[in-house]
Amino acid sequence: MREYNAKWDFFSGMNMAEIEAYQKGNPTWHRPTWRLGESPGSPKTASGFEWVDPMDIVGAGDFSARANREARRPPEKKIDPESKLAFEELDIEPPATLQEIKTRYKQLVKRFHPDANGGDKTAEEHLKRINRAYSVLKARVTA
C-alpha cells in the first residue's frame, strides 16, 4: 500500500494549463462563483434584464431595492443661512473646497482693495463684506 501511495500522482496525464486551472478552482471546491450582489437566481442574470419594483411592493424593508438605492446615495449637506450668504458674497457655488475659497478671496481682494480703487468708499465697504464672508467660510469649510 505504501509503495502504491508513493507512486500515485493525481495530476498524471494533465498538462500545466489543466493543472493550474484545477488549482485555481480549489479555494471554492470547484463550485461556480459570482460577484457580490449578483446571483444566478436574480431576475437580472436569469433573464438578461433588470427587474424594477418602483412601488417597492415585493421588497421587504431594508432588503428592498429602494432601500439599497437610498443607502448608496451620498447624504446631502445642509448649508446654514450665514454660509449661504457668504458663498453668495464670494460668488462661489456651495460645495467648494477651502482652496477654491482662498483663490476666489484673493481675486476679490485685489479687485476691491481701496488702494486699487483710489480710496473709493463703496469698494471699501464691499471689501469688508468679502472679509466677513471669507472668515465665515474659512471657519466652516474643511480642506
N, C-alpha and C. Protein backbone atom coordinates (compact mmCIF):
# COMPACT_ATOMS: atom_id res chain seq x y z
N MET A 1 0.83 -1.19 0.00
CA MET A 1 0.00 0.00 0.00
C MET A 1 0.88 1.26 0.00
N ARG A 2 1.98 1.24 0.81
CA ARG A 2 2.87 2.39 0.84
C ARG A 2 3.49 2.65 -0.52
N GLU A 3 3.88 1.62 -1.16
CA GLU A 3 4.52 1.77 -2.47
C GLU A 3 3.53 2.35 -3.48
N TYR A 4 2.27 1.90 -3.44
CA TYR A 4 1.24 2.42 -4.33
C TYR A 4 1.01 3.91 -4.08
N ASN A 5 0.86 4.29 -2.81
CA ASN A 5 0.63 5.69 -2.45
C ASN A 5 1.82 6.57 -2.84
N ALA A 6 3.03 6.08 -2.71
CA ALA A 6 4.21 6.87 -3.06
C ALA A 6 4.27 7.14 -4.55
N LYS A 7 3.80 6.23 -5.37
CA LYS A 7 3.87 6.40 -6.81
C LYS A 7 2.63 7.10 -7.40
N TRP A 8 1.57 7.24 -6.61
CA TRP A 8 0.32 7.80 -7.14
C TRP A 8 0.47 9.29 -7.43
N ASP A 9 0.01 9.76 -8.60
CA ASP A 9 0.08 11.16 -9.00
C ASP A 9 -1.29 11.58 -9.52
N PHE A 10 -1.97 12.44 -8.79
CA PHE A 10 -3.31 12.89 -9.17
C PHE A 10 -3.28 13.60 -10.52
N PHE A 11 -2.21 14.35 -10.79
CA PHE A 11 -2.14 15.18 -12.00
C PHE A 11 -1.51 14.46 -13.19
N SER A 12 -1.27 13.19 -13.11
CA SER A 12 -0.67 12.48 -14.25
C SER A 12 -1.61 12.53 -15.44
N GLY A 13 -1.08 12.82 -16.60
CA GLY A 13 -1.89 12.90 -17.81
C GLY A 13 -2.42 14.31 -18.07
N MET A 14 -2.16 15.27 -17.16
CA MET A 14 -2.61 16.65 -17.35
C MET A 14 -1.42 17.51 -17.76
N ASN A 15 -1.70 18.53 -18.61
CA ASN A 15 -0.64 19.47 -18.92
C ASN A 15 -0.65 20.60 -17.88
N MET A 16 0.29 21.55 -18.00
CA MET A 16 0.42 22.61 -16.98
C MET A 16 -0.82 23.50 -16.92
N ALA A 17 -1.42 23.80 -18.06
CA ALA A 17 -2.61 24.65 -18.08
C ALA A 17 -3.77 23.98 -17.34
N GLU A 18 -3.94 22.69 -17.53
CA GLU A 18 -5.01 21.96 -16.84
C GLU A 18 -4.75 21.89 -15.34
N ILE A 19 -3.50 21.70 -14.97
CA ILE A 19 -3.14 21.65 -13.54
C ILE A 19 -3.42 22.99 -12.89
N GLU A 20 -3.02 24.10 -13.54
CA GLU A 20 -3.26 25.44 -12.99
C GLU A 20 -4.75 25.74 -12.89
N ALA A 21 -5.52 25.34 -13.88
CA ALA A 21 -6.97 25.54 -13.84
C ALA A 21 -7.60 24.77 -12.68
N TYR A 22 -7.13 23.58 -12.46
CA TYR A 22 -7.65 22.78 -11.34
C TYR A 22 -7.30 23.44 -10.00
N GLN A 23 -6.06 23.89 -9.88
CA GLN A 23 -5.63 24.50 -8.62
C GLN A 23 -6.32 25.84 -8.38
N LYS A 24 -6.65 26.56 -9.44
CA LYS A 24 -7.37 27.82 -9.28
C LYS A 24 -8.77 27.60 -8.70
N GLY A 25 -9.37 26.47 -9.01
CA GLY A 25 -10.71 26.17 -8.51
C GLY A 25 -10.72 25.57 -7.11
N ASN A 26 -9.58 25.22 -6.58
CA ASN A 26 -9.51 24.59 -5.26
C ASN A 26 -10.10 25.43 -4.13
N PRO A 27 -9.84 26.74 -4.04
CA PRO A 27 -10.37 27.51 -2.90
C PRO A 27 -11.89 27.48 -2.79
N THR A 28 -12.59 27.28 -3.91
CA THR A 28 -14.06 27.25 -3.88
C THR A 28 -14.61 25.85 -4.09
N TRP A 29 -13.76 24.83 -3.95
CA TRP A 29 -14.14 23.43 -4.13
C TRP A 29 -14.74 23.20 -5.51
N HIS A 30 -14.26 23.93 -6.50
CA HIS A 30 -14.66 23.79 -7.90
C HIS A 30 -16.14 24.06 -8.11
N ARG A 31 -16.69 24.94 -7.28
CA ARG A 31 -18.09 25.32 -7.42
C ARG A 31 -18.16 26.68 -8.09
N PRO A 32 -19.22 26.99 -8.83
CA PRO A 32 -19.33 28.28 -9.52
C PRO A 32 -19.45 29.43 -8.52
N THR A 33 -18.87 30.56 -8.86
CA THR A 33 -18.96 31.75 -8.01
C THR A 33 -19.40 32.93 -8.86
N TRP A 34 -19.81 34.03 -8.21
CA TRP A 34 -20.22 35.24 -8.90
C TRP A 34 -19.88 36.42 -8.01
N ARG A 35 -19.95 37.62 -8.57
CA ARG A 35 -19.61 38.83 -7.85
C ARG A 35 -20.61 39.10 -6.73
N LEU A 36 -20.17 39.84 -5.72
CA LEU A 36 -21.03 40.21 -4.60
C LEU A 36 -22.20 41.04 -5.11
N GLY A 37 -23.39 40.73 -4.70
CA GLY A 37 -24.58 41.45 -5.12
C GLY A 37 -25.27 40.81 -6.32
N GLU A 38 -24.62 39.87 -6.96
CA GLU A 38 -25.22 39.15 -8.07
C GLU A 38 -25.45 37.72 -7.63
N SER A 39 -26.37 37.08 -8.27
CA SER A 39 -26.56 35.66 -8.02
C SER A 39 -27.21 35.05 -9.25
N PRO A 40 -27.00 33.77 -9.47
CA PRO A 40 -27.57 33.17 -10.68
C PRO A 40 -29.09 33.15 -10.68
N GLY A 41 -29.73 33.27 -9.54
CA GLY A 41 -31.18 33.23 -9.46
C GLY A 41 -31.84 34.60 -9.53
N SER A 42 -31.04 35.68 -9.53
CA SER A 42 -31.65 37.00 -9.57
C SER A 42 -32.26 37.25 -10.94
N PRO A 43 -33.33 38.02 -11.01
CA PRO A 43 -34.02 38.24 -12.28
C PRO A 43 -33.11 38.83 -13.36
N LYS A 44 -32.18 39.67 -12.99
CA LYS A 44 -31.33 40.32 -13.98
C LYS A 44 -30.45 39.29 -14.68
N THR A 45 -29.82 38.40 -13.94
CA THR A 45 -28.92 37.44 -14.57
C THR A 45 -29.67 36.27 -15.19
N ALA A 46 -30.85 35.93 -14.67
CA ALA A 46 -31.57 34.78 -15.20
C ALA A 46 -32.19 35.08 -16.56
N SER A 47 -32.76 36.27 -16.74
CA SER A 47 -33.46 36.55 -17.98
C SER A 47 -32.78 37.61 -18.83
N GLY A 48 -31.71 38.24 -18.34
CA GLY A 48 -30.98 39.21 -19.13
C GLY A 48 -31.50 40.64 -19.00
N PHE A 49 -32.51 40.89 -18.18
CA PHE A 49 -32.98 42.25 -17.99
C PHE A 49 -33.07 42.54 -16.49
N GLU A 50 -33.04 43.83 -16.17
CA GLU A 50 -33.10 44.22 -14.76
C GLU A 50 -34.55 44.38 -14.35
N TRP A 51 -34.92 43.70 -13.30
CA TRP A 51 -36.27 43.76 -12.80
C TRP A 51 -36.39 44.96 -11.87
N VAL A 52 -37.41 45.79 -12.05
CA VAL A 52 -37.59 47.01 -11.27
C VAL A 52 -38.91 46.93 -10.53
N ASP A 53 -38.88 47.33 -9.27
CA ASP A 53 -40.07 47.36 -8.43
C ASP A 53 -40.23 48.79 -7.91
N PRO A 54 -40.74 49.74 -8.74
CA PRO A 54 -40.77 51.14 -8.34
C PRO A 54 -41.66 51.42 -7.13
N MET A 55 -42.68 50.63 -6.92
CA MET A 55 -43.58 50.86 -5.78
C MET A 55 -43.11 50.11 -4.54
N ASP A 56 -42.02 49.37 -4.66
CA ASP A 56 -41.45 48.62 -3.55
C ASP A 56 -42.48 47.66 -2.95
N ILE A 57 -43.24 47.01 -3.84
CA ILE A 57 -44.27 46.08 -3.40
C ILE A 57 -43.66 44.75 -2.96
N VAL A 58 -42.71 44.26 -3.73
CA VAL A 58 -42.10 42.97 -3.44
C VAL A 58 -41.01 43.10 -2.38
N GLY A 59 -40.32 44.23 -2.36
CA GLY A 59 -39.23 44.44 -1.41
C GLY A 59 -39.73 44.42 0.01
N ALA A 60 -38.87 44.03 0.91
CA ALA A 60 -39.27 43.93 2.31
C ALA A 60 -38.33 44.77 3.16
N GLY A 61 -38.74 45.98 3.47
CA GLY A 61 -37.98 46.83 4.39
C GLY A 61 -36.58 47.14 3.92
N ASP A 62 -35.58 46.88 4.76
CA ASP A 62 -34.20 47.24 4.48
C ASP A 62 -33.60 46.40 3.37
N PHE A 63 -34.23 45.31 2.99
CA PHE A 63 -33.68 44.44 1.97
C PHE A 63 -34.17 44.79 0.58
N SER A 64 -35.04 45.77 0.46
CA SER A 64 -35.62 46.11 -0.83
C SER A 64 -34.62 46.89 -1.69
N ALA A 65 -34.89 46.91 -2.98
CA ALA A 65 -34.02 47.63 -3.92
C ALA A 65 -34.04 49.13 -3.64
N ARG A 66 -35.20 49.67 -3.27
CA ARG A 66 -35.29 51.10 -2.98
C ARG A 66 -34.43 51.46 -1.77
N ALA A 67 -34.48 50.66 -0.73
CA ALA A 67 -33.66 50.94 0.45
C ALA A 67 -32.18 50.88 0.11
N ASN A 68 -31.80 49.94 -0.75
CA ASN A 68 -30.39 49.85 -1.15
C ASN A 68 -29.97 51.07 -1.96
N ARG A 69 -30.85 51.56 -2.85
CA ARG A 69 -30.52 52.76 -3.63
C ARG A 69 -30.39 53.97 -2.73
N GLU A 70 -31.29 54.09 -1.76
CA GLU A 70 -31.24 55.23 -0.84
C GLU A 70 -29.97 55.18 0.01
N ALA A 71 -29.55 53.99 0.39
CA ALA A 71 -28.35 53.86 1.22
C ALA A 71 -27.10 54.23 0.44
N ARG A 72 -27.09 53.99 -0.87
CA ARG A 72 -25.92 54.31 -1.69
C ARG A 72 -25.83 55.79 -2.01
N ARG A 73 -26.93 56.52 -1.96
CA ARG A 73 -26.94 57.94 -2.30
C ARG A 73 -26.16 58.72 -1.24
N PRO A 74 -25.24 59.58 -1.66
CA PRO A 74 -24.48 60.34 -0.67
C PRO A 74 -25.40 61.32 0.07
N PRO A 75 -25.17 61.51 1.35
CA PRO A 75 -26.03 62.41 2.11
C PRO A 75 -25.86 63.86 1.64
N GLU A 76 -26.97 64.56 1.57
CA GLU A 76 -26.91 65.97 1.17
C GLU A 76 -26.56 66.81 2.39
N LYS A 77 -25.59 67.71 2.21
CA LYS A 77 -25.19 68.57 3.30
C LYS A 77 -26.09 69.80 3.33
N LYS A 78 -26.56 70.13 4.49
CA LYS A 78 -27.37 71.32 4.68
C LYS A 78 -26.42 72.50 4.91
N ILE A 79 -26.72 73.61 4.26
CA ILE A 79 -25.90 74.80 4.40
C ILE A 79 -26.67 75.80 5.24
N ASP A 80 -26.03 76.27 6.29
CA ASP A 80 -26.70 77.24 7.15
C ASP A 80 -26.82 78.58 6.41
N PRO A 81 -27.77 79.42 6.82
CA PRO A 81 -28.01 80.68 6.10
C PRO A 81 -26.79 81.61 6.04
N GLU A 82 -26.02 81.65 7.11
CA GLU A 82 -24.85 82.53 7.12
C GLU A 82 -23.82 82.08 6.09
N SER A 83 -23.61 80.77 5.98
CA SER A 83 -22.68 80.25 4.99
C SER A 83 -23.21 80.48 3.57
N LYS A 84 -24.51 80.33 3.41
CA LYS A 84 -25.11 80.55 2.10
C LYS A 84 -24.88 81.99 1.65
N LEU A 85 -25.07 82.94 2.55
CA LEU A 85 -24.81 84.35 2.22
C LEU A 85 -23.33 84.58 1.92
N ALA A 86 -22.47 83.90 2.65
CA ALA A 86 -21.04 84.05 2.42
C ALA A 86 -20.65 83.52 1.05
N PHE A 87 -21.22 82.38 0.66
CA PHE A 87 -20.95 81.85 -0.68
C PHE A 87 -21.44 82.82 -1.76
N GLU A 88 -22.61 83.42 -1.52
CA GLU A 88 -23.14 84.39 -2.49
C GLU A 88 -22.25 85.61 -2.57
N GLU A 89 -21.76 86.07 -1.44
CA GLU A 89 -20.88 87.26 -1.41
C GLU A 89 -19.60 87.00 -2.19
N LEU A 90 -19.05 85.80 -2.06
CA LEU A 90 -17.82 85.46 -2.79
C LEU A 90 -18.12 84.96 -4.20
N ASP A 91 -19.40 84.79 -4.54
CA ASP A 91 -19.83 84.33 -5.86
C ASP A 91 -19.24 82.96 -6.19
N ILE A 92 -19.45 82.00 -5.25
CA ILE A 92 -18.97 80.62 -5.40
C ILE A 92 -20.15 79.69 -5.16
N GLU A 93 -20.15 78.54 -5.86
CA GLU A 93 -21.16 77.52 -5.64
C GLU A 93 -20.86 76.80 -4.32
N PRO A 94 -21.86 76.45 -3.51
CA PRO A 94 -21.66 75.89 -2.18
C PRO A 94 -20.74 74.69 -2.00
N PRO A 95 -20.74 73.66 -2.79
CA PRO A 95 -19.76 72.62 -2.43
C PRO A 95 -18.36 73.01 -2.90
N ALA A 96 -17.75 73.98 -2.24
CA ALA A 96 -16.42 74.46 -2.63
C ALA A 96 -15.38 74.03 -1.60
N THR A 97 -14.16 73.80 -2.09
CA THR A 97 -13.07 73.45 -1.20
C THR A 97 -12.45 74.71 -0.62
N LEU A 98 -11.67 74.53 0.41
CA LEU A 98 -11.01 75.66 1.04
C LEU A 98 -10.06 76.34 0.05
N GLN A 99 -9.42 75.57 -0.80
CA GLN A 99 -8.50 76.14 -1.79
C GLN A 99 -9.26 77.01 -2.80
N GLU A 100 -10.43 76.57 -3.23
CA GLU A 100 -11.24 77.37 -4.15
C GLU A 100 -11.70 78.67 -3.49
N ILE A 101 -12.06 78.58 -2.23
CA ILE A 101 -12.49 79.77 -1.49
C ILE A 101 -11.33 80.76 -1.37
N LYS A 102 -10.14 80.27 -1.03
CA LYS A 102 -8.98 81.15 -0.90
C LYS A 102 -8.64 81.82 -2.23
N THR A 103 -8.69 81.06 -3.30
CA THR A 103 -8.39 81.61 -4.63
C THR A 103 -9.36 82.73 -4.99
N ARG A 104 -10.66 82.47 -4.77
CA ARG A 104 -11.67 83.49 -5.08
C ARG A 104 -11.52 84.70 -4.17
N TYR A 105 -11.20 84.50 -2.91
CA TYR A 105 -10.99 85.59 -1.96
C TYR A 105 -9.84 86.49 -2.43
N LYS A 106 -8.73 85.89 -2.84
CA LYS A 106 -7.58 86.67 -3.31
C LYS A 106 -7.93 87.50 -4.54
N GLN A 107 -8.72 86.92 -5.44
CA GLN A 107 -9.14 87.66 -6.64
C GLN A 107 -9.97 88.89 -6.27
N LEU A 108 -10.91 88.68 -5.34
CA LEU A 108 -11.80 89.79 -4.95
C LEU A 108 -11.06 90.85 -4.16
N VAL A 109 -10.11 90.45 -3.33
CA VAL A 109 -9.34 91.42 -2.55
C VAL A 109 -8.54 92.32 -3.49
N LYS A 110 -7.93 91.72 -4.50
CA LYS A 110 -7.16 92.52 -5.46
C LYS A 110 -8.06 93.50 -6.21
N ARG A 111 -9.29 93.06 -6.51
CA ARG A 111 -10.19 93.93 -7.27
C ARG A 111 -10.78 95.06 -6.42
N PHE A 112 -11.13 94.77 -5.16
CA PHE A 112 -11.86 95.75 -4.36
C PHE A 112 -11.01 96.44 -3.28
N HIS A 113 -9.72 96.25 -3.26
CA HIS A 113 -8.87 96.90 -2.26
C HIS A 113 -8.91 98.42 -2.48
N PRO A 114 -9.00 99.19 -1.39
CA PRO A 114 -9.08 100.66 -1.53
C PRO A 114 -7.88 101.26 -2.29
N ASP A 115 -6.70 100.70 -2.12
CA ASP A 115 -5.53 101.23 -2.82
C ASP A 115 -5.67 101.05 -4.33
N ALA A 116 -6.34 99.97 -4.75
CA ALA A 116 -6.52 99.73 -6.18
C ALA A 116 -7.67 100.55 -6.75
N ASN A 117 -8.52 101.10 -5.88
CA ASN A 117 -9.69 101.87 -6.33
C ASN A 117 -9.63 103.33 -5.94
N GLY A 118 -8.47 103.81 -5.60
CA GLY A 118 -8.31 105.24 -5.28
C GLY A 118 -9.07 105.67 -4.04
N GLY A 119 -9.22 104.81 -3.06
CA GLY A 119 -9.89 105.17 -1.81
C GLY A 119 -11.40 105.21 -1.91
N ASP A 120 -11.99 104.57 -2.88
CA ASP A 120 -13.43 104.54 -3.07
C ASP A 120 -14.10 103.87 -1.88
N LYS A 121 -15.06 104.57 -1.25
CA LYS A 121 -15.74 104.05 -0.05
C LYS A 121 -16.62 102.84 -0.35
N THR A 122 -17.25 102.78 -1.52
CA THR A 122 -18.11 101.62 -1.83
C THR A 122 -17.25 100.37 -2.00
N ALA A 123 -16.07 100.52 -2.60
CA ALA A 123 -15.17 99.39 -2.74
C ALA A 123 -14.68 98.93 -1.37
N GLU A 124 -14.46 99.88 -0.48
CA GLU A 124 -14.01 99.54 0.88
C GLU A 124 -15.08 98.77 1.63
N GLU A 125 -16.33 99.21 1.49
CA GLU A 125 -17.44 98.50 2.14
C GLU A 125 -17.61 97.10 1.56
N HIS A 126 -17.46 97.00 0.26
CA HIS A 126 -17.56 95.68 -0.39
C HIS A 126 -16.44 94.77 0.11
N LEU A 127 -15.25 95.31 0.27
CA LEU A 127 -14.13 94.52 0.77
C LEU A 127 -14.39 94.04 2.21
N LYS A 128 -15.04 94.85 3.02
CA LYS A 128 -15.38 94.44 4.39
C LYS A 128 -16.33 93.24 4.37
N ARG A 129 -17.33 93.28 3.47
CA ARG A 129 -18.27 92.16 3.36
C ARG A 129 -17.55 90.90 2.86
N ILE A 130 -16.62 91.09 1.94
CA ILE A 130 -15.83 89.95 1.44
C ILE A 130 -15.00 89.34 2.56
N ASN A 131 -14.38 90.17 3.38
CA ASN A 131 -13.58 89.68 4.51
C ASN A 131 -14.43 88.90 5.50
N ARG A 132 -15.65 89.42 5.78
CA ARG A 132 -16.55 88.71 6.69
C ARG A 132 -16.96 87.36 6.11
N ALA A 133 -17.29 87.35 4.84
CA ALA A 133 -17.70 86.10 4.18
C ALA A 133 -16.56 85.09 4.20
N TYR A 134 -15.36 85.55 3.93
CA TYR A 134 -14.21 84.65 3.94
C TYR A 134 -13.98 84.08 5.34
N SER A 135 -14.13 84.89 6.35
CA SER A 135 -13.97 84.42 7.74
C SER A 135 -14.98 83.35 8.08
N VAL A 136 -16.22 83.55 7.65
CA VAL A 136 -17.28 82.57 7.92
C VAL A 136 -16.96 81.24 7.23
N LEU A 137 -16.61 81.30 5.96
CA LEU A 137 -16.36 80.08 5.21
C LEU A 137 -15.08 79.37 5.64
N LYS A 138 -14.07 80.14 6.00
CA LYS A 138 -12.81 79.54 6.45
C LYS A 138 -13.02 78.75 7.74
N ALA A 139 -13.92 79.22 8.59
CA ALA A 139 -14.21 78.54 9.84
C ALA A 139 -15.05 77.29 9.64
N ARG A 140 -15.87 77.26 8.58
CA ARG A 140 -16.82 76.16 8.39
C ARG A 140 -16.38 75.11 7.38
N VAL A 141 -15.60 75.50 6.39
CA VAL A 141 -15.20 74.57 5.34
C VAL A 141 -13.86 73.96 5.70
N THR A 142 -13.78 72.63 5.55
CA THR A 142 -12.52 71.95 5.83
C THR A 142 -11.76 71.75 4.54
N ALA A 143 -10.45 71.63 4.65
CA ALA A 143 -9.62 71.44 3.47
C ALA A 143 -9.87 70.07 2.95
